[in-house]
């Protein structure tokens, strides 16, 4: 059983920081900024270990090598302000500001699924 614990912490001023412990959290190493100058707001790890980070303004990033290297994924302009996302199989659903939903396949193809302005009943909704 591994004693390693890794925690990703996002903040709106310092980017994405990795905290690591090799003794089940009894002590921690120095924080390591792994993605500077981004505002991370959503995280997801796939069963294969790939980690995705959604940001407010820069779109999606992913790490496929245990959080050592990060790749900025091509993200359409309307999906760069990510609020939430979910990944399953070869598809990812992304909720972005202002109130738009996109789907991304593993081959990188994006499709806008809907938005607040065209959804049935949207004339009665409010978005701050």
N, C-alpha and C. Protein backbone atom coordinates (compact mmCIF):
# COMPACT_ATOMS: atom_id res chain seq x y z
N UNK A 1 0.83 -1.18 0.00
CA UNK A 1 0.00 0.00 0.00
C UNK A 1 0.88 1.25 0.00
N UNK A 2 0.54 2.19 -0.85
CA UNK A 2 1.33 3.41 -0.98
C UNK A 2 0.99 4.39 0.13
N UNK A 3 2.01 5.05 0.62
CA UNK A 3 1.82 6.10 1.63
C UNK A 3 1.78 7.48 1.00
N UNK A 4 1.84 7.53 -0.35
CA UNK A 4 1.88 8.81 -1.03
C UNK A 4 0.49 9.42 -1.13
N UNK A 5 0.42 10.71 -0.80
CA UNK A 5 -0.81 11.48 -0.92
C UNK A 5 -0.47 12.72 -1.74
N UNK A 6 -1.28 12.98 -2.77
CA UNK A 6 -1.08 14.16 -3.60
C UNK A 6 -2.39 14.94 -3.66
N UNK A 7 -2.29 16.25 -3.48
CA UNK A 7 -3.46 17.12 -3.47
C UNK A 7 -3.19 18.27 -4.43
N UNK A 8 -4.14 18.52 -5.32
CA UNK A 8 -4.08 19.68 -6.19
C UNK A 8 -4.91 20.79 -5.57
N UNK A 9 -4.33 21.98 -5.49
CA UNK A 9 -5.01 23.13 -4.90
C UNK A 9 -4.99 24.24 -5.93
N UNK A 10 -6.17 24.77 -6.22
CA UNK A 10 -6.26 25.88 -7.16
C UNK A 10 -6.65 27.16 -6.45
N UNK A 11 -6.05 28.26 -6.88
CA UNK A 11 -6.49 29.55 -6.36
C UNK A 11 -6.41 30.59 -7.46
N UNK A 12 -7.16 31.64 -7.29
CA UNK A 12 -7.27 32.63 -8.36
C UNK A 12 -6.07 33.55 -8.49
N UNK A 13 -5.08 33.42 -7.61
CA UNK A 13 -3.90 34.27 -7.70
C UNK A 13 -2.62 33.51 -8.01
N UNK A 14 -2.54 32.26 -7.60
CA UNK A 14 -1.28 31.54 -7.73
C UNK A 14 -1.29 30.40 -8.71
N UNK A 15 -2.42 30.12 -9.33
CA UNK A 15 -2.47 29.02 -10.28
C UNK A 15 -2.81 27.71 -9.60
N UNK A 16 -2.26 26.63 -10.12
CA UNK A 16 -2.51 25.28 -9.63
C UNK A 16 -1.26 24.79 -8.90
N UNK A 17 -1.45 24.38 -7.65
CA UNK A 17 -0.33 23.97 -6.80
C UNK A 17 -0.50 22.51 -6.42
N UNK A 18 0.61 21.78 -6.41
CA UNK A 18 0.63 20.38 -6.00
C UNK A 18 1.26 20.28 -4.61
N UNK A 19 0.55 19.61 -3.70
CA UNK A 19 1.07 19.30 -2.37
C UNK A 19 1.27 17.79 -2.30
N UNK A 20 2.42 17.35 -1.76
CA UNK A 20 2.72 15.92 -1.71
C UNK A 20 3.19 15.51 -0.31
N UNK A 21 2.74 14.32 0.08
CA UNK A 21 3.18 13.70 1.32
C UNK A 21 3.59 12.27 0.98
N UNK A 22 4.65 11.80 1.58
CA UNK A 22 5.12 10.43 1.37
C UNK A 22 4.91 9.56 2.61
N UNK A 23 4.18 10.13 3.61
CA UNK A 23 3.93 9.38 4.84
C UNK A 23 2.46 9.49 5.27
N UNK A 24 1.57 9.33 4.31
CA UNK A 24 0.12 9.34 4.56
C UNK A 24 -0.38 10.64 5.16
N UNK A 25 0.28 11.75 4.86
CA UNK A 25 -0.18 13.05 5.31
C UNK A 25 0.35 13.50 6.66
N UNK A 26 1.28 12.76 7.23
CA UNK A 26 1.88 13.17 8.50
C UNK A 26 2.76 14.41 8.32
N UNK A 27 3.42 14.51 7.19
CA UNK A 27 4.23 15.68 6.86
C UNK A 27 4.08 15.94 5.36
N UNK A 28 4.34 17.17 4.98
CA UNK A 28 4.15 17.59 3.59
C UNK A 28 5.39 18.29 3.07
N UNK A 29 5.69 18.06 1.78
CA UNK A 29 6.79 18.76 1.13
C UNK A 29 6.38 20.18 0.80
N UNK A 30 7.32 20.94 0.26
CA UNK A 30 7.03 22.31 -0.15
C UNK A 30 6.02 22.31 -1.29
N UNK A 31 5.11 23.27 -1.29
CA UNK A 31 4.15 23.37 -2.40
C UNK A 31 4.88 23.62 -3.72
N UNK A 32 4.38 23.00 -4.78
CA UNK A 32 4.97 23.16 -6.12
C UNK A 32 3.90 23.68 -7.07
N UNK A 33 4.11 24.87 -7.61
CA UNK A 33 3.17 25.42 -8.59
C UNK A 33 3.38 24.68 -9.90
N UNK A 34 2.35 23.96 -10.36
CA UNK A 34 2.48 23.17 -11.58
C UNK A 34 1.83 23.84 -12.79
N UNK A 35 0.91 24.77 -12.54
CA UNK A 35 0.30 25.57 -13.62
C UNK A 35 0.17 27.01 -13.11
N UNK A 36 1.14 27.86 -13.40
CA UNK A 36 1.05 29.23 -12.92
C UNK A 36 0.07 30.05 -13.76
N UNK A 37 -0.39 31.13 -13.19
CA UNK A 37 -1.17 32.14 -13.92
C UNK A 37 -2.46 31.60 -14.53
N UNK A 38 -3.09 30.64 -13.89
CA UNK A 38 -4.42 30.19 -14.29
C UNK A 38 -5.32 30.21 -13.07
N UNK A 39 -6.63 30.20 -13.29
CA UNK A 39 -7.59 30.15 -12.21
C UNK A 39 -8.34 28.81 -12.31
N UNK A 40 -7.80 27.77 -11.69
CA UNK A 40 -8.42 26.45 -11.78
C UNK A 40 -9.73 26.42 -10.98
N UNK A 41 -10.74 25.74 -11.52
CA UNK A 41 -12.01 25.68 -10.80
C UNK A 41 -12.66 24.31 -10.85
N UNK A 42 -12.17 23.40 -11.66
CA UNK A 42 -12.77 22.06 -11.75
C UNK A 42 -11.67 21.05 -12.06
N UNK A 43 -11.78 19.87 -11.43
CA UNK A 43 -10.76 18.82 -11.57
C UNK A 43 -11.44 17.49 -11.83
N UNK A 44 -10.76 16.62 -12.59
CA UNK A 44 -11.29 15.27 -12.81
C UNK A 44 -10.12 14.34 -13.15
N UNK A 45 -10.12 13.16 -12.52
CA UNK A 45 -9.12 12.15 -12.85
C UNK A 45 -9.84 10.94 -13.45
N UNK A 46 -9.36 10.53 -14.62
CA UNK A 46 -9.90 9.34 -15.27
C UNK A 46 -9.26 8.09 -14.67
N UNK A 47 -9.88 6.92 -14.86
CA UNK A 47 -9.31 5.68 -14.33
C UNK A 47 -7.89 5.40 -14.81
N UNK A 48 -7.53 5.88 -16.01
CA UNK A 48 -6.17 5.64 -16.52
C UNK A 48 -5.13 6.58 -15.92
N UNK A 49 -5.55 7.47 -15.00
CA UNK A 49 -4.63 8.39 -14.34
C UNK A 49 -4.55 9.77 -14.97
N UNK A 50 -5.14 9.96 -16.14
CA UNK A 50 -5.14 11.27 -16.77
C UNK A 50 -5.93 12.24 -15.89
N UNK A 51 -5.35 13.41 -15.64
CA UNK A 51 -6.01 14.43 -14.82
C UNK A 51 -6.33 15.62 -15.70
N UNK A 52 -7.56 16.08 -15.62
CA UNK A 52 -8.01 17.28 -16.34
C UNK A 52 -8.27 18.39 -15.34
N UNK A 53 -7.93 19.61 -15.73
CA UNK A 53 -8.19 20.79 -14.94
C UNK A 53 -8.91 21.80 -15.83
N UNK A 54 -10.06 22.25 -15.38
CA UNK A 54 -10.79 23.30 -16.07
C UNK A 54 -10.49 24.64 -15.43
N UNK A 55 -10.28 25.65 -16.24
CA UNK A 55 -9.92 26.97 -15.71
C UNK A 55 -10.96 28.01 -16.13
N UNK A 56 -10.94 29.10 -15.43
CA UNK A 56 -11.81 30.23 -15.78
C UNK A 56 -11.01 31.19 -16.64
N UNK A 57 -11.08 30.99 -17.95
CA UNK A 57 -10.42 31.90 -18.88
C UNK A 57 -9.43 31.26 -19.81
N UNK A 58 -8.86 30.10 -19.44
CA UNK A 58 -7.86 29.45 -20.27
C UNK A 58 -8.31 28.10 -20.83
N UNK A 59 -9.50 27.65 -20.48
CA UNK A 59 -9.98 26.37 -21.00
C UNK A 59 -9.45 25.19 -20.21
N UNK A 60 -9.16 24.09 -20.92
CA UNK A 60 -8.76 22.82 -20.30
C UNK A 60 -7.26 22.56 -20.38
N UNK A 61 -6.75 21.92 -19.34
CA UNK A 61 -5.40 21.39 -19.30
C UNK A 61 -5.49 19.92 -18.91
N UNK A 62 -4.50 19.13 -19.31
CA UNK A 62 -4.46 17.74 -18.85
C UNK A 62 -3.03 17.30 -18.60
N UNK A 63 -2.91 16.33 -17.69
CA UNK A 63 -1.63 15.70 -17.40
C UNK A 63 -1.83 14.20 -17.54
N UNK A 64 -0.98 13.57 -18.33
CA UNK A 64 -1.07 12.13 -18.56
C UNK A 64 0.10 11.37 -17.93
N UNK A 65 0.95 12.09 -17.19
CA UNK A 65 2.18 11.46 -16.67
C UNK A 65 2.36 11.67 -15.16
N UNK A 66 1.28 11.57 -14.41
CA UNK A 66 1.40 11.68 -12.97
C UNK A 66 1.61 13.09 -12.46
N UNK A 67 1.08 14.07 -13.14
CA UNK A 67 1.10 15.49 -12.75
C UNK A 67 2.45 16.16 -12.97
N UNK A 68 3.34 15.54 -13.77
CA UNK A 68 4.64 16.14 -14.03
C UNK A 68 4.59 17.19 -15.13
N UNK A 69 3.86 16.88 -16.21
CA UNK A 69 3.76 17.79 -17.35
C UNK A 69 2.30 18.05 -17.65
N UNK A 70 2.02 19.26 -18.15
CA UNK A 70 0.65 19.67 -18.44
C UNK A 70 0.54 20.13 -19.88
N UNK A 71 -0.54 19.73 -20.51
CA UNK A 71 -0.82 20.10 -21.90
C UNK A 71 -2.06 20.98 -21.92
N UNK A 72 -1.97 22.12 -22.60
CA UNK A 72 -3.14 22.98 -22.78
C UNK A 72 -3.93 22.44 -23.97
N UNK A 73 -5.16 22.04 -23.73
CA UNK A 73 -5.98 21.47 -24.79
C UNK A 73 -6.68 22.58 -25.56
N UNK A 74 -6.77 22.39 -26.86
CA UNK A 74 -7.50 23.34 -27.69
C UNK A 74 -8.93 23.42 -27.18
N UNK A 75 -9.36 24.61 -26.83
CA UNK A 75 -10.69 24.83 -26.27
C UNK A 75 -11.35 25.96 -27.04
N UNK A 76 -12.59 25.77 -27.51
CA UNK A 76 -13.25 26.85 -28.24
C UNK A 76 -13.46 28.08 -27.36
N UNK A 77 -13.53 29.24 -27.97
CA UNK A 77 -13.65 30.50 -27.23
C UNK A 77 -14.82 30.47 -26.25
N UNK A 78 -15.94 29.91 -26.66
CA UNK A 78 -17.13 29.88 -25.80
C UNK A 78 -17.02 28.94 -24.62
N UNK A 79 -15.98 28.10 -24.57
CA UNK A 79 -15.82 27.14 -23.47
C UNK A 79 -14.59 27.43 -22.61
N UNK A 80 -13.96 28.57 -22.77
CA UNK A 80 -12.73 28.86 -22.02
C UNK A 80 -12.98 29.23 -20.56
N UNK A 81 -14.17 29.72 -20.24
CA UNK A 81 -14.50 30.06 -18.84
C UNK A 81 -15.28 28.90 -18.23
N UNK A 82 -14.56 27.84 -17.90
CA UNK A 82 -15.17 26.60 -17.43
C UNK A 82 -15.63 26.76 -15.98
N UNK A 83 -16.83 26.27 -15.71
CA UNK A 83 -17.38 26.25 -14.35
C UNK A 83 -17.43 24.82 -13.81
N UNK A 84 -17.67 23.86 -14.70
CA UNK A 84 -17.75 22.46 -14.28
C UNK A 84 -17.55 21.57 -15.50
N UNK A 85 -17.17 20.32 -15.26
CA UNK A 85 -17.12 19.35 -16.36
C UNK A 85 -17.18 17.95 -15.80
N UNK A 86 -17.51 17.03 -16.69
CA UNK A 86 -17.58 15.62 -16.34
C UNK A 86 -17.01 14.82 -17.50
N UNK A 87 -16.21 13.83 -17.19
CA UNK A 87 -15.59 13.01 -18.22
C UNK A 87 -15.94 11.55 -17.99
N UNK A 88 -16.38 10.88 -19.05
CA UNK A 88 -16.69 9.45 -18.99
C UNK A 88 -16.44 8.85 -20.37
N UNK A 89 -15.77 7.72 -20.38
CA UNK A 89 -15.48 7.10 -21.68
C UNK A 89 -14.66 8.03 -22.54
N UNK A 90 -15.11 8.22 -23.77
CA UNK A 90 -14.37 9.09 -24.70
C UNK A 90 -15.03 10.45 -24.86
N UNK A 91 -15.85 10.85 -23.92
CA UNK A 91 -16.60 12.10 -24.03
C UNK A 91 -16.49 12.91 -22.73
N UNK A 92 -16.44 14.22 -22.90
CA UNK A 92 -16.40 15.14 -21.78
C UNK A 92 -17.49 16.18 -21.98
N UNK A 93 -18.23 16.47 -20.93
CA UNK A 93 -19.22 17.54 -20.95
C UNK A 93 -18.67 18.70 -20.15
N UNK A 94 -18.75 19.91 -20.71
CA UNK A 94 -18.19 21.10 -20.10
C UNK A 94 -19.27 22.15 -19.95
N UNK A 95 -19.44 22.64 -18.72
CA UNK A 95 -20.33 23.77 -18.46
C UNK A 95 -19.49 25.02 -18.36
N UNK A 96 -19.83 26.03 -19.16
CA UNK A 96 -19.01 27.24 -19.23
C UNK A 96 -19.86 28.48 -18.97
N UNK A 97 -19.19 29.57 -18.68
CA UNK A 97 -19.85 30.87 -18.54
C UNK A 97 -19.88 31.53 -19.90
N UNK A 98 -20.96 32.17 -20.23
CA UNK A 98 -22.22 32.23 -19.50
C UNK A 98 -23.15 31.09 -19.92
N UNK A 99 -23.44 30.19 -19.02
CA UNK A 99 -24.44 29.13 -19.12
C UNK A 99 -24.52 28.46 -20.48
N UNK A 100 -23.40 27.83 -20.88
CA UNK A 100 -23.32 27.11 -22.14
C UNK A 100 -22.76 25.72 -21.86
N UNK A 101 -23.24 24.72 -22.60
CA UNK A 101 -22.75 23.35 -22.43
C UNK A 101 -22.09 22.90 -23.73
N UNK A 102 -20.89 22.33 -23.60
CA UNK A 102 -20.14 21.80 -24.73
C UNK A 102 -19.82 20.33 -24.47
N UNK A 103 -19.64 19.58 -25.54
CA UNK A 103 -19.16 18.20 -25.45
C UNK A 103 -17.83 18.12 -26.20
N UNK A 104 -16.90 17.36 -25.65
CA UNK A 104 -15.59 17.14 -26.29
C UNK A 104 -15.34 15.65 -26.37
N UNK A 105 -14.98 15.17 -27.55
CA UNK A 105 -14.63 13.77 -27.71
C UNK A 105 -13.12 13.62 -27.55
N UNK A 106 -12.65 12.39 -27.36
CA UNK A 106 -11.22 12.15 -27.17
C UNK A 106 -10.38 12.58 -28.36
N UNK A 107 -10.99 12.64 -29.55
CA UNK A 107 -10.22 13.08 -30.71
C UNK A 107 -10.11 14.60 -30.79
N UNK A 108 -10.66 15.31 -29.77
CA UNK A 108 -10.51 16.76 -29.71
C UNK A 108 -11.63 17.54 -30.36
N UNK A 109 -12.63 16.85 -30.91
CA UNK A 109 -13.75 17.54 -31.56
C UNK A 109 -14.69 18.12 -30.50
N UNK A 110 -15.03 19.40 -30.64
CA UNK A 110 -15.95 20.08 -29.73
C UNK A 110 -17.29 20.30 -30.42
N UNK A 111 -18.35 20.23 -29.63
CA UNK A 111 -19.70 20.52 -30.13
C UNK A 111 -20.46 21.27 -29.04
N UNK A 112 -21.06 22.40 -29.42
CA UNK A 112 -21.90 23.12 -28.46
C UNK A 112 -23.26 22.43 -28.41
N UNK A 113 -23.67 22.02 -27.21
CA UNK A 113 -24.93 21.29 -27.05
C UNK A 113 -26.11 22.20 -26.74
N UNK A 114 -25.86 23.30 -26.12
CA UNK A 114 -26.95 24.21 -25.78
C UNK A 114 -26.45 25.39 -24.98
N UNK A 115 -27.36 26.33 -24.77
CA UNK A 115 -27.03 27.49 -23.97
C UNK A 115 -28.32 28.03 -23.34
N UNK A 116 -28.14 28.96 -22.45
CA UNK A 116 -29.26 29.51 -21.71
C UNK A 116 -30.25 30.23 -22.61
N UNK A 117 -29.82 30.80 -23.68
CA UNK A 117 -30.67 31.64 -24.51
C UNK A 117 -31.58 30.86 -25.43
N UNK A 118 -31.21 29.62 -25.76
CA UNK A 118 -32.04 28.84 -26.69
C UNK A 118 -32.79 27.70 -26.03
N UNK A 119 -32.58 27.47 -24.74
CA UNK A 119 -33.27 26.39 -24.04
C UNK A 119 -34.74 26.74 -23.82
N UNK A 120 -35.63 25.75 -23.92
CA UNK A 120 -37.05 26.02 -23.68
C UNK A 120 -37.27 26.64 -22.29
N UNK A 121 -38.07 27.69 -22.24
CA UNK A 121 -38.37 28.36 -20.98
C UNK A 121 -37.33 29.36 -20.54
N UNK A 122 -36.30 29.58 -21.35
CA UNK A 122 -35.19 30.43 -20.92
C UNK A 122 -35.59 31.89 -20.72
N UNK A 123 -36.67 32.31 -21.31
CA UNK A 123 -37.09 33.70 -21.12
C UNK A 123 -37.48 34.00 -19.67
N UNK A 124 -37.79 32.95 -18.93
CA UNK A 124 -38.16 33.12 -17.52
C UNK A 124 -36.95 32.96 -16.58
N UNK A 125 -35.79 32.61 -17.09
CA UNK A 125 -34.63 32.39 -16.25
C UNK A 125 -33.88 33.70 -16.05
N UNK A 126 -33.03 33.68 -15.03
CA UNK A 126 -32.13 34.81 -14.79
C UNK A 126 -30.73 34.26 -14.54
N UNK A 127 -29.76 34.95 -15.04
CA UNK A 127 -28.36 34.58 -14.82
C UNK A 127 -27.63 35.82 -14.33
N UNK A 128 -27.04 35.74 -13.14
CA UNK A 128 -26.42 36.95 -12.58
C UNK A 128 -25.26 37.48 -13.38
